[in-house]
Amino acid sequence: MTSQPVREISTHEFPEAVLQRSREVPVVVDFWAEWCGPCKVLGPLLEHAAQSADGAFELVKVDVDANQALSAQFGIQSIPTVIAFRDGAPVSRFSGAIPEQALASWLDQVLPTQLDIEVERGRDAALSGNLDEAEQIFQAVLDQKPDHQEAGTSLASLMLARGDTDSALIVLGKLSPTSEVERLQAAARVTAGRSDDVEALQRVVDTAPDDEGARISLASALAGRGEFEPALDHLLAVVRHKGERKEDARMAILDIFGVLGEDHPLTTVYRRQLASALF
């Protein structure tokens, strides 16, 4: 898409002009109307900021009268309402005509910082196959800001890919518990046992079927190899036994669900079985 600092769009253009485009550069959406007095005060400030930003963000204007369904989708109850989008999702919003200095402060909060730009450089390095360089960049960002979400999740992903689950969990433990962080933590716990000897653990379980620790270890090793269905079967057996390790098995099952995702067929089937086994 050709970069335009300010443009007016309609509902059918919104997915590409805002959701998709905001994965490349922040997009600020101004919901306004021709008859709105405060809109005529705020609009020029927004447009001047966008034109002066040298591509740091793009401004998209949406006429609420001509795009009522889109306005309703984002809960626009008064205008002007301004919403900033990054990575395909809204990250901040305000309503009403605010002074130029307040607008500048709001933009500072939603636009990428220098550290954010460094993270993007690290992601580009990773996509190019320069994993060592990418890891160094992410680590440098975290040295300055240990709870930087994007740097932390990106570094943890690289660590998981090379099997360093302990380091990944340390990095993730310093971040806010978002769904992405929780997914990566689950993946770290699930893959932690992938180097264990499955055959040896299977022999222990065959010899002592009631050894809950061995069965959980076997399930962990299987899950670490991506053999999720037999892993879930072993963990469910521990839950149904209702022994001392029942809660450990339940949490391990939830970790596998976290890796698979809520819509995965195994998650759907085994969630029902887990509910039945618990009660």
C-alpha atoms as a PDB file:
ATOM      1  CA  MET A   1       0.000   0.000   0.000  1.00  0.00           C
ATOM      2  CA  THR A   2       1.280   3.485  -0.863  1.00  0.00           C
ATOM      3  CA  SER A   3       1.991   5.484   2.292  1.00  0.00           C
ATOM      4  CA  GLN A   4      -0.359   8.428   2.803  1.00  0.00           C
ATOM      5  CA  PRO A   5      -0.061  10.399   6.036  1.00  0.00           C
ATOM      6  CA  VAL A   6      -3.758  11.418   5.899  1.00  0.00           C
ATOM      7  CA  ARG A   7      -6.607   9.697   4.042  1.00  0.00           C
ATOM      8  CA  GLU A   8     -10.370   9.261   4.294  1.00  0.00           C
ATOM      9  CA  ILE A   9     -11.749   5.732   4.097  1.00  0.00           C
ATOM     10  CA  SER A  10     -15.033   3.848   4.139  1.00  0.00           C
ATOM     11  CA  THR A  11     -16.021   0.682   5.952  1.00  0.00           C
ATOM     12  CA  HIS A  12     -14.931  -1.738   3.228  1.00  0.00           C
ATOM     13  CA  GLU A  13     -11.433  -0.176   3.171  1.00  0.00           C
ATOM     14  CA  PHE A  14     -10.957  -0.448   6.941  1.00  0.00           C
ATOM     15  CA  PRO A  15      -9.448  -3.978   7.119  1.00  0.00           C
ATOM     16  CA  GLU A  16      -6.642  -3.110   4.708  1.00  0.00           C
ATOM     17  CA  ALA A  17      -6.162   0.577   5.502  1.00  0.00           C
ATOM     18  CA  VAL A  18      -6.179   0.149   9.286  1.00  0.00           C
ATOM     19  CA  LEU A  19      -5.960  -3.421  10.545  1.00  0.00           C
ATOM     20  CA  GLN A  20      -3.473  -4.679   7.974  1.00  0.00           C
ATOM     21  CA  ARG A  21      -1.558  -1.429   7.594  1.00  0.00           C
ATOM     22  CA  SER A  22      -1.120  -1.047  11.373  1.00  0.00           C
ATOM     23  CA  ARG A  23       1.063  -4.162  11.334  1.00  0.00           C
ATOM     24  CA  GLU A  24       3.600  -2.081   9.409  1.00  0.00           C
ATOM     25  CA  VAL A  25       3.117   1.393  10.885  1.00  0.00           C
ATOM     26  CA  PRO A  26       0.787   2.764  13.616  1.00  0.00           C
ATOM     27  CA  VAL A  27      -2.535   4.020  12.260  1.00  0.00           C
ATOM     28  CA  VAL A  28      -4.591   6.663  14.076  1.00  0.00           C
ATOM     29  CA  VAL A  29      -8.303   6.674  13.205  1.00  0.00           C
ATOM     30  CA  ASP A  30     -10.331   9.869  13.603  1.00  0.00           C
ATOM     31  CA  PHE A  31     -14.080   9.175  13.831  1.00  0.00           C
ATOM     32  CA  TRP A  32     -15.702  12.496  12.910  1.00  0.00           C
ATOM     33  CA  ALA A  33     -18.650  14.167  11.152  1.00  0.00           C
ATOM     34  CA  GLU A  34     -19.028  17.281   9.035  1.00  0.00           C
ATOM     35  CA  TRP A  35     -21.569  18.843  11.430  1.00  0.00           C
ATOM     36  CA  CYS A  36     -19.373  18.278  14.526  1.00  0.00           C
ATOM     37  CA  GLY A  37     -17.835  21.501  15.855  1.00  0.00           C
ATOM     38  CA  PRO A  38     -15.164  19.878  18.092  1.00  0.00           C
ATOM     39  CA  CYS A  39     -14.171  17.683  15.127  1.00  0.00           C
ATOM     40  CA  LYS A  40     -13.272  20.820  13.178  1.00  0.00           C
ATOM     41  CA  VAL A  41     -11.012  21.876  16.048  1.00  0.00           C
ATOM     42  CA  LEU A  42      -9.255  18.530  16.519  1.00  0.00           C
ATOM     43  CA  GLY A  43      -9.087  17.478  12.870  1.00  0.00           C
ATOM     44  CA  PRO A  44      -6.509  20.065  11.733  1.00  0.00           C
ATOM     45  CA  LEU A  45      -4.316  19.272  14.758  1.00  0.00           C
ATOM     46  CA  LEU A  46      -4.349  15.590  13.886  1.00  0.00           C
ATOM     47  CA  GLU A  47      -3.660  16.259  10.227  1.00  0.00           C
ATOM     48  CA  HIS A  48      -0.767  18.593  11.018  1.00  0.00           C
ATOM     49  CA  ALA A  49       0.713  16.006  13.394  1.00  0.00           C
ATOM     50  CA  ALA A  50       0.458  13.264  10.773  1.00  0.00           C
ATOM     51  CA  GLN A  51       1.996  15.394   8.033  1.00  0.00           C
ATOM     52  CA  SER A  52       4.834  16.412  10.357  1.00  0.00           C
ATOM     53  CA  ALA A  53       5.511  12.907  11.643  1.00  0.00           C
ATOM     54  CA  ASP A  54       7.705  11.877   8.688  1.00  0.00           C
ATOM     55  CA  GLY A  55       5.910   8.543   8.354  1.00  0.00           C
ATOM     56  CA  ALA A  56       5.923   7.668  12.075  1.00  0.00           C
ATOM     57  CA  PHE A  57       2.161   7.103  11.853  1.00  0.00           C
ATOM     58  CA  GLU A  58      -0.718   7.443   9.402  1.00  0.00           C
ATOM     59  CA  LEU A  59      -4.019   9.227  10.012  1.00  0.00           C
ATOM     60  CA  VAL A  60      -7.252   7.710   8.727  1.00  0.00           C
ATOM     61  CA  LYS A  61     -10.507   9.665   8.906  1.00  0.00           C
ATOM     62  CA  VAL A  62     -13.873   7.912   9.147  1.00  0.00           C
ATOM     63  CA  ASP A  63     -17.136   9.828   8.656  1.00  0.00           C
ATOM     64  CA  VAL A  64     -19.490   8.303  11.248  1.00  0.00           C
ATOM     65  CA  ASP A  65     -22.616   9.255   9.302  1.00  0.00           C
ATOM     66  CA  ALA A  66     -21.445   7.406   6.192  1.00  0.00           C
ATOM     67  CA  ASN A  67     -20.008   4.444   8.148  1.00  0.00           C
ATOM     68  CA  GLN A  68     -22.469   3.805  10.959  1.00  0.00           C
ATOM     69  CA  ALA A  69     -21.863   0.056  11.254  1.00  0.00           C
ATOM     70  CA  LEU A  70     -18.103   0.571  11.627  1.00  0.00           C
ATOM     71  CA  SER A  71     -18.685   3.275  14.220  1.00  0.00           C
ATOM     72  CA  ALA A  72     -20.961   0.944  16.175  1.00  0.00           C
ATOM     73  CA  GLN A  73     -18.379  -1.846  15.961  1.00  0.00           C
ATOM     74  CA  PHE A  74     -15.889   0.309  17.859  1.00  0.00           C
ATOM     75  CA  GLY A  75     -18.415   1.695  20.315  1.00  0.00           C
ATOM     76  CA  ILE A  76     -18.290   5.288  19.106  1.00  0.00           C
ATOM     77  CA  GLN A  77     -20.733   7.166  21.342  1.00  0.00           C
ATOM     78  CA  SER A  78     -19.415  10.698  20.936  1.00  0.00           C
ATOM     79  CA  ILE A  79     -17.266  12.461  18.388  1.00  0.00           C
ATOM     80  CA  PRO A  80     -14.577  13.164  17.744  1.00  0.00           C
ATOM     81  CA  THR A  81     -13.252   9.818  18.968  1.00  0.00           C
ATOM     82  CA  VAL A  82      -9.685   8.903  18.081  1.00  0.00           C
ATOM     83  CA  ILE A  83      -8.322   5.342  18.236  1.00  0.00           C
ATOM     84  CA  ALA A  84      -4.715   4.277  17.679  1.00  0.00           C
ATOM     85  CA  PHE A  85      -4.067   0.862  16.108  1.00  0.00           C
ATOM     86  CA  ARG A  86      -0.870  -1.165  16.231  1.00  0.00           C
ATOM     87  CA  ASP A  87      -0.319  -4.731  15.061  1.00  0.00           C
ATOM     88  CA  GLY A  88      -3.909  -5.005  13.901  1.00  0.00           C
ATOM     89  CA  ALA A  89      -5.533  -4.034  17.208  1.00  0.00           C
ATOM     90  CA  PRO A  90      -6.606  -0.849  19.038  1.00  0.00           C
ATOM     91  CA  VAL A  91      -4.109   0.207  21.705  1.00  0.00           C
ATOM     92  CA  SER A  92      -5.424   3.566  22.945  1.00  0.00           C
ATOM     93  CA  ARG A  93      -8.311   5.970  22.417  1.00  0.00           C
ATOM     94  CA  PHE A  94      -9.768   9.294  23.552  1.00  0.00           C
ATOM     95  CA  SER A  95     -12.889  11.354  22.847  1.00  0.00           C
ATOM     96  CA  GLY A  96     -13.363  15.081  22.490  1.00  0.00           C
ATOM     97  CA  ALA A  97     -11.218  17.915  21.208  1.00  0.00           C
ATOM     98  CA  ILE A  98      -8.054  18.036  23.295  1.00  0.00           C
ATOM     99  CA  PRO A  99      -5.334  20.734  23.202  1.00  0.00           C
ATOM    100  CA  GLU A 100      -2.341  20.336  20.885  1.00  0.00           C
ATOM    101  CA  GLN A 101       0.055  19.622  23.767  1.00  0.00           C
ATOM    102  CA  ALA A 102      -2.222  16.893  25.148  1.00  0.00           C
ATOM    103  CA  LEU A 103      -2.492  15.397  21.663  1.00  0.00           C
ATOM    104  CA  ALA A 104       1.297  15.366  21.346  1.00  0.00           C
ATOM    105  CA  SER A 105       1.595  13.586  24.705  1.00  0.00           C
ATOM    106  CA  TRP A 106      -0.977  10.979  23.654  1.00  0.00           C
ATOM    107  CA  LEU A 107       0.838  10.345  20.373  1.00  0.00           C
ATOM    108  CA  ASP A 108       4.119   9.905  22.272  1.00  0.00           C
ATOM    109  CA  GLN A 109       2.473   7.113  24.253  1.00  0.00           C
ATOM    110  CA  VAL A 110       1.123   5.203  21.256  1.00  0.00           C
ATOM    111  CA  LEU A 111       3.930   5.645  18.732  1.00  0.00           C
ATOM    112  CA  PRO A 112       6.956   3.335  18.704  1.00  0.00           C
ATOM    113  CA  THR A 113       9.863   4.264  20.964  1.00  0.00           C
ATOM    114  CA  GLN A 114      13.492   3.811  19.969  1.00  0.00           C
ATOM    115  CA  LEU A 115      13.425   0.486  21.805  1.00  0.00           C
ATOM    116  CA  ASP A 116      10.380  -0.569  19.759  1.00  0.00           C
ATOM    117  CA  ILE A 117      12.300   0.274  16.607  1.00  0.00           C
ATOM    118  CA  GLU A 118      15.213  -1.857  17.820  1.00  0.00           C
ATOM    119  CA  VAL A 119      12.837  -4.774  18.374  1.00  0.00           C
ATOM    120  CA  GLU A 120      11.647  -4.467  14.775  1.00  0.00           C
ATOM    121  CA  ARG A 121      15.281  -4.534  13.676  1.00  0.00           C
ATOM    122  CA  GLY A 122      15.727  -7.715  15.703  1.00  0.00           C
ATOM    123  CA  ARG A 123      12.673  -9.289  14.111  1.00  0.00           C
ATOM    124  CA  ASP A 124      13.995  -8.432  10.651  1.00  0.00           C
ATOM    125  CA  ALA A 125      17.292 -10.098  11.579  1.00  0.00           C
ATOM    126  CA  ALA A 126      15.461 -13.214  12.760  1.00  0.00           C
ATOM    127  CA  LEU A 127      13.403 -13.378   9.563  1.00  0.00           C
ATOM    128  CA  SER A 128      16.633 -13.152   7.586  1.00  0.00           C
ATOM    129  CA  GLY A 129      18.036 -16.108   9.513  1.00  0.00           C
ATOM    130  CA  ASN A 130      20.483 -14.062  11.598  1.00  0.00           C
ATOM    131  CA  LEU A 131      19.315 -15.559  14.888  1.00  0.00           C
ATOM    132  CA  ASP A 132      22.407 -14.699  16.926  1.00  0.00           C
ATOM    133  CA  GLU A 133      22.167 -11.055  15.873  1.00  0.00           C
ATOM    134  CA  ALA A 134      18.434 -11.006  16.631  1.00  0.00           C
ATOM    135  CA  GLU A 135      18.997 -12.454  20.099  1.00  0.00           C
ATOM    136  CA  GLN A 136      21.678  -9.858  20.831  1.00  0.00           C
ATOM    137  CA  ILE A 137      19.327  -7.053  19.797  1.00  0.00           C
ATOM    138  CA  PHE A 138      16.434  -8.347  21.913  1.00  0.00           C
ATOM    139  CA  GLN A 139      18.737  -8.840  24.901  1.00  0.00           C
ATOM    140  CA  ALA A 140      20.105  -5.298  24.528  1.00  0.00           C
ATOM    141  CA  VAL A 141      16.556  -3.931  24.633  1.00  0.00           C
ATOM    142  CA  LEU A 142      15.764  -6.001  27.725  1.00  0.00           C
ATOM    143  CA  ASP A 143      18.943  -4.786  29.412  1.00  0.00           C
ATOM    144  CA  GLN A 144      17.430  -1.305  29.221  1.00  0.00           C
ATOM    145  CA  LYS A 145      13.813  -2.331  29.866  1.00  0.00           C
ATOM    146  CA  PRO A 146      13.471  -5.847  31.336  1.00  0.00           C
ATOM    147  CA  ASP A 147       9.674  -5.839  30.958  1.00  0.00           C
ATOM    148  CA  HIS A 148       9.559  -4.802  27.287  1.00  0.00           C
ATOM    149  CA  GLN A 149       6.810  -7.116  26.044  1.00  0.00           C
ATOM    150  CA  GLU A 150       7.782  -7.472  22.391  1.00  0.00           C
ATOM    151  CA  ALA A 151      11.489  -7.888  23.072  1.00  0.00           C
ATOM    152  CA  GLY A 152      10.768 -10.409  25.820  1.00  0.00           C
ATOM    153  CA  THR A 153       8.391 -12.572  23.826  1.00  0.00           C
ATOM    154  CA  SER A 154      10.648 -12.433  20.763  1.00  0.00           C
ATOM    155  CA  LEU A 155      13.718 -13.461  22.765  1.00  0.00           C
ATOM    156  CA  ALA A 156      11.810 -16.190  24.579  1.00  0.00           C
ATOM    157  CA  SER A 157      10.615 -17.588  21.245  1.00  0.00           C
ATOM    158  CA  LEU A 158      14.208 -17.846  20.027  1.00  0.00           C
ATOM    159  CA  MET A 159      15.250 -19.494  23.274  1.00  0.00           C
ATOM    160  CA  LEU A 160      12.449 -22.037  23.018  1.00  0.00           C
ATOM    161  CA  ALA A 161      13.406 -22.820  19.431  1.00  0.00           C
ATOM    162  CA  ARG A 162      16.896 -23.827  20.572  1.00  0.00           C
ATOM    163  CA  GLY A 163      15.620 -25.710  23.624  1.00  0.00           C
ATOM    164  CA  ASP A 164      16.631 -23.271  26.378  1.00  0.00           C
ATOM    165  CA  THR A 165      13.341 -23.447  28.259  1.00  0.00           C
ATOM    166  CA  ASP A 166      14.738 -22.332  31.632  1.00  0.00           C
ATOM    167  CA  SER A 167      16.088 -19.061  30.211  1.00  0.00           C
ATOM    168  CA  ALA A 168      12.862 -18.492  28.287  1.00  0.00           C
ATOM    169  CA  LEU A 169      10.797 -18.845  31.458  1.00  0.00           C
ATOM    170  CA  ILE A 170      13.055 -16.365  33.278  1.00  0.00           C
ATOM    171  CA  VAL A 171      12.564 -13.794  30.513  1.00  0.00           C
ATOM    172  CA  LEU A 172       8.807 -14.377  30.375  1.00  0.00           C
ATOM    173  CA  GLY A 173       8.497 -14.109  34.150  1.00  0.00           C
ATOM    174  CA  LYS A 174       9.405 -10.414  33.965  1.00  0.00           C
ATOM    175  CA  LEU A 175       6.618  -9.574  31.498  1.00  0.00           C
ATOM    176  CA  SER A 176       2.958  -8.716  31.981  1.00  0.00           C
ATOM    177  CA  PRO A 177       0.815 -11.896  31.810  1.00  0.00           C
ATOM    178  CA  THR A 178      -0.704 -11.400  28.383  1.00  0.00           C
ATOM    179  CA  SER A 179      -2.177 -14.273  26.382  1.00  0.00           C
ATOM    180  CA  GLU A 180       1.011 -14.438  24.280  1.00  0.00           C
ATOM    181  CA  VAL A 181       3.203 -14.633  27.383  1.00  0.00           C
ATOM    182  CA  GLU A 182       1.015 -17.352  28.856  1.00  0.00           C
ATOM    183  CA  ARG A 183       1.126 -19.293  25.581  1.00  0.00           C
ATOM    184  CA  LEU A 184       4.917 -19.154  25.502  1.00  0.00           C
ATOM    185  CA  GLN A 185       5.156 -20.149  29.157  1.00  0.00           C
ATOM    186  CA  ALA A 186       2.944 -23.145  28.447  1.00  0.00           C
ATOM    187  CA  ALA A 187       5.107 -24.038  25.449  1.00  0.00           C
ATOM    188  CA  ALA A 188       8.238 -23.808  27.598  1.00  0.00           C
ATOM    189  CA  ARG A 189       6.810 -26.131  30.225  1.00  0.00           C
ATOM    190  CA  VAL A 190       5.511 -28.560  27.616  1.00  0.00           C
ATOM    191  CA  THR A 191       8.813 -28.765  25.733  1.00  0.00           C
ATOM    192  CA  ALA A 192      10.961 -28.984  28.859  1.00  0.00           C
ATOM    193  CA  GLY A 193      10.793 -32.789  28.881  1.00  0.00           C
ATOM    194  CA  ARG A 194      11.456 -33.456  25.208  1.00  0.00           C
ATOM    195  CA  SER A 195      14.994 -34.737  25.854  1.00  0.00           C
ATOM    196  CA  ASP A 196      13.814 -37.369  28.357  1.00  0.00           C
ATOM    197  CA  ASP A 197      14.030 -41.045  27.438  1.00  0.00           C
ATOM    198  CA  VAL A 198      10.489 -41.965  26.408  1.00  0.00           C
ATOM    199  CA  GLU A 199      11.249 -45.674  26.129  1.00  0.00           C
ATOM    200  CA  ALA A 200      12.731 -45.862  29.623  1.00  0.00           C
ATOM    201  CA  LEU A 201       9.830 -43.937  31.120  1.00  0.00           C
ATOM    202  CA  GLN A 202       7.347 -46.171  29.292  1.00  0.00           C
ATOM    203  CA  ARG A 203       8.992 -49.234  30.847  1.00  0.00           C
ATOM    204  CA  VAL A 204       8.630 -47.716  34.315  1.00  0.00           C
ATOM    205  CA  VAL A 205       4.941 -46.976  33.704  1.00  0.00           C
ATOM    206  CA  ASP A 206       4.380 -50.486  32.316  1.00  0.00           C
ATOM    207  CA  THR A 207       5.968 -51.966  35.442  1.00  0.00           C
ATOM    208  CA  ALA A 208       4.284 -49.596  37.915  1.00  0.00           C
ATOM    209  CA  PRO A 209       1.047 -48.207  36.380  1.00  0.00           C
ATOM    210  CA  ASP A 210       0.179 -46.350  39.595  1.00  0.00           C
ATOM    211  CA  ASP A 211       3.479 -44.411  39.651  1.00  0.00           C
ATOM    212  CA  GLU A 212       1.998 -40.974  39.035  1.00  0.00           C
ATOM    213  CA  GLY A 213       5.363 -39.223  38.856  1.00  0.00           C
ATOM    214  CA  ALA A 214       6.621 -41.563  36.153  1.00  0.00           C
ATOM    215  CA  ARG A 215       3.383 -41.207  34.186  1.00  0.00           C
ATOM    216  CA  ILE A 216       3.569 -37.402  34.331  1.00  0.00           C
ATOM    217  CA  SER A 217       7.225 -37.513  33.254  1.00  0.00           C
ATOM    218  CA  LEU A 218       6.304 -39.789  30.370  1.00  0.00           C
ATOM    219  CA  ALA A 219       3.510 -37.425  29.350  1.00  0.00           C
ATOM    220  CA  SER A 220       5.942 -34.491  29.497  1.00  0.00           C
ATOM    221  CA  ALA A 221       8.440 -36.306  27.278  1.00  0.00           C
ATOM    222  CA  LEU A 222       5.739 -37.224  24.773  1.00  0.00           C
ATOM    223  CA  ALA A 223       4.353 -33.682  24.690  1.00  0.00           C
ATOM    224  CA  GLY A 224       7.860 -32.325  24.207  1.00  0.00           C
ATOM    225  CA  ARG A 225       8.061 -34.450  21.055  1.00  0.00           C
ATOM    226  CA  GLY A 226       4.703 -33.164  19.859  1.00  0.00           C
ATOM    227  CA  GLU A 227       2.895 -36.430  20.648  1.00  0.00           C
ATOM    228  CA  PHE A 228       0.077 -34.621  22.403  1.00  0.00           C
ATOM    229  CA  GLU A 229      -2.706 -37.204  22.296  1.00  0.00           C
ATOM    230  CA  PRO A 230      -0.849 -39.994  24.181  1.00  0.00           C
ATOM    231  CA  ALA A 231       0.509 -37.342  26.553  1.00  0.00           C
ATOM    232  CA  LEU A 232      -3.026 -36.207  27.346  1.00  0.00           C
ATOM    233  CA  ASP A 233      -4.142 -39.811  27.861  1.00  0.00           C
ATOM    234  CA  HIS A 234      -1.441 -40.370  30.492  1.00  0.00           C
ATOM    235  CA  LEU A 235      -2.213 -37.120  32.255  1.00  0.00           C
ATOM    236  CA  LEU A 236      -5.933 -37.883  32.305  1.00  0.00           C
ATOM    237  CA  ALA A 237      -5.136 -41.253  33.879  1.00  0.00           C
ATOM    238  CA  VAL A 238      -3.388 -39.418  36.719  1.00  0.00           C
ATOM    239  CA  VAL A 239      -6.312 -37.031  37.166  1.00  0.00           C
ATOM    240  CA  ARG A 240      -8.790 -39.927  37.260  1.00  0.00           C
ATOM    241  CA  HIS A 241      -6.636 -41.745  39.842  1.00  0.00           C
ATOM    242  CA  LYS A 242      -7.217 -38.714  42.118  1.00  0.00           C
ATOM    243  CA  GLY A 243      -3.907 -39.151  43.900  1.00  0.00           C
ATOM    244  CA  GLU A 244      -1.424 -36.579  45.197  1.00  0.00           C
ATOM    245  CA  ARG A 245      -0.286 -35.561  41.693  1.00  0.00           C
ATOM    246  CA  LYS A 246      -3.774 -34.875  40.331  1.00  0.00           C
ATOM    247  CA  GLU A 247      -3.273 -31.104  40.317  1.00  0.00           C
ATOM    248  CA  ASP A 248       0.136 -31.405  38.633  1.00  0.00           C
ATOM    249  CA  ALA A 249      -1.452 -33.484  35.882  1.00  0.00           C
ATOM    250  CA  ARG A 250      -4.335 -31.042  35.497  1.00  0.00           C
ATOM    251  CA  MET A 251      -1.944 -28.103  35.095  1.00  0.00           C
ATOM    252  CA  ALA A 252       0.115 -30.056  32.555  1.00  0.00           C
ATOM    253  CA  ILE A 253      -3.056 -30.714  30.547  1.00  0.00           C
ATOM    254  CA  LEU A 254      -3.870 -26.996  30.576  1.00  0.00           C
ATOM    255  CA  ASP A 255      -0.361 -26.246  29.333  1.00  0.00           C
ATOM    256  CA  ILE A 256      -0.920 -28.553  26.372  1.00  0.00           C
ATOM    257  CA  PHE A 257      -4.242 -26.836  25.687  1.00  0.00           C
ATOM    258  CA  GLY A 258      -2.349 -23.525  25.753  1.00  0.00           C
ATOM    259  CA  VAL A 259       0.077 -24.768  23.117  1.00  0.00           C
ATOM    260  CA  LEU A 260      -2.594 -26.324  20.899  1.00  0.00           C
ATOM    261  CA  GLY A 261      -5.032 -23.412  21.154  1.00  0.00           C
ATOM    262  CA  GLU A 262      -8.662 -23.350  22.198  1.00  0.00           C
ATOM    263  CA  ASP A 263      -9.970 -24.304  18.758  1.00  0.00           C
ATOM    264  CA  HIS A 264      -7.798 -27.379  18.275  1.00  0.00           C
ATOM    265  CA  PRO A 265      -9.817 -30.636  18.078  1.00  0.00           C
ATOM    266  CA  LEU A 266      -7.720 -32.262  20.819  1.00  0.00           C
ATOM    267  CA  THR A 267      -8.385 -29.322  23.139  1.00  0.00           C
ATOM    268  CA  THR A 268     -12.119 -29.618  22.529  1.00  0.00           C
ATOM    269  CA  VAL A 269     -12.231 -33.379  23.119  1.00  0.00           C
ATOM    270  CA  TYR A 270      -9.899 -33.553  26.087  1.00  0.00           C
ATOM    271  CA  ARG A 271     -11.348 -30.497  27.838  1.00  0.00           C
ATOM    272  CA  ARG A 272     -14.619 -32.391  28.123  1.00  0.00           C
ATOM    273  CA  GLN A 273     -12.806 -35.473  29.370  1.00  0.00           C
ATOM    274  CA  LEU A 274     -10.879 -33.410  31.915  1.00  0.00           C
ATOM    275  CA  ALA A 275     -14.080 -31.884  33.252  1.00  0.00           C
ATOM    276  CA  SER A 276     -15.575 -35.339  33.614  1.00  0.00           C
ATOM    277  CA  ALA A 277     -12.468 -36.708  35.338  1.00  0.00           C
ATOM    278  CA  LEU A 278     -12.381 -33.901  37.891  1.00  0.00           C
ATOM    279  CA  PHE A 279     -15.900 -34.488  39.199  1.00  0.00           C
END
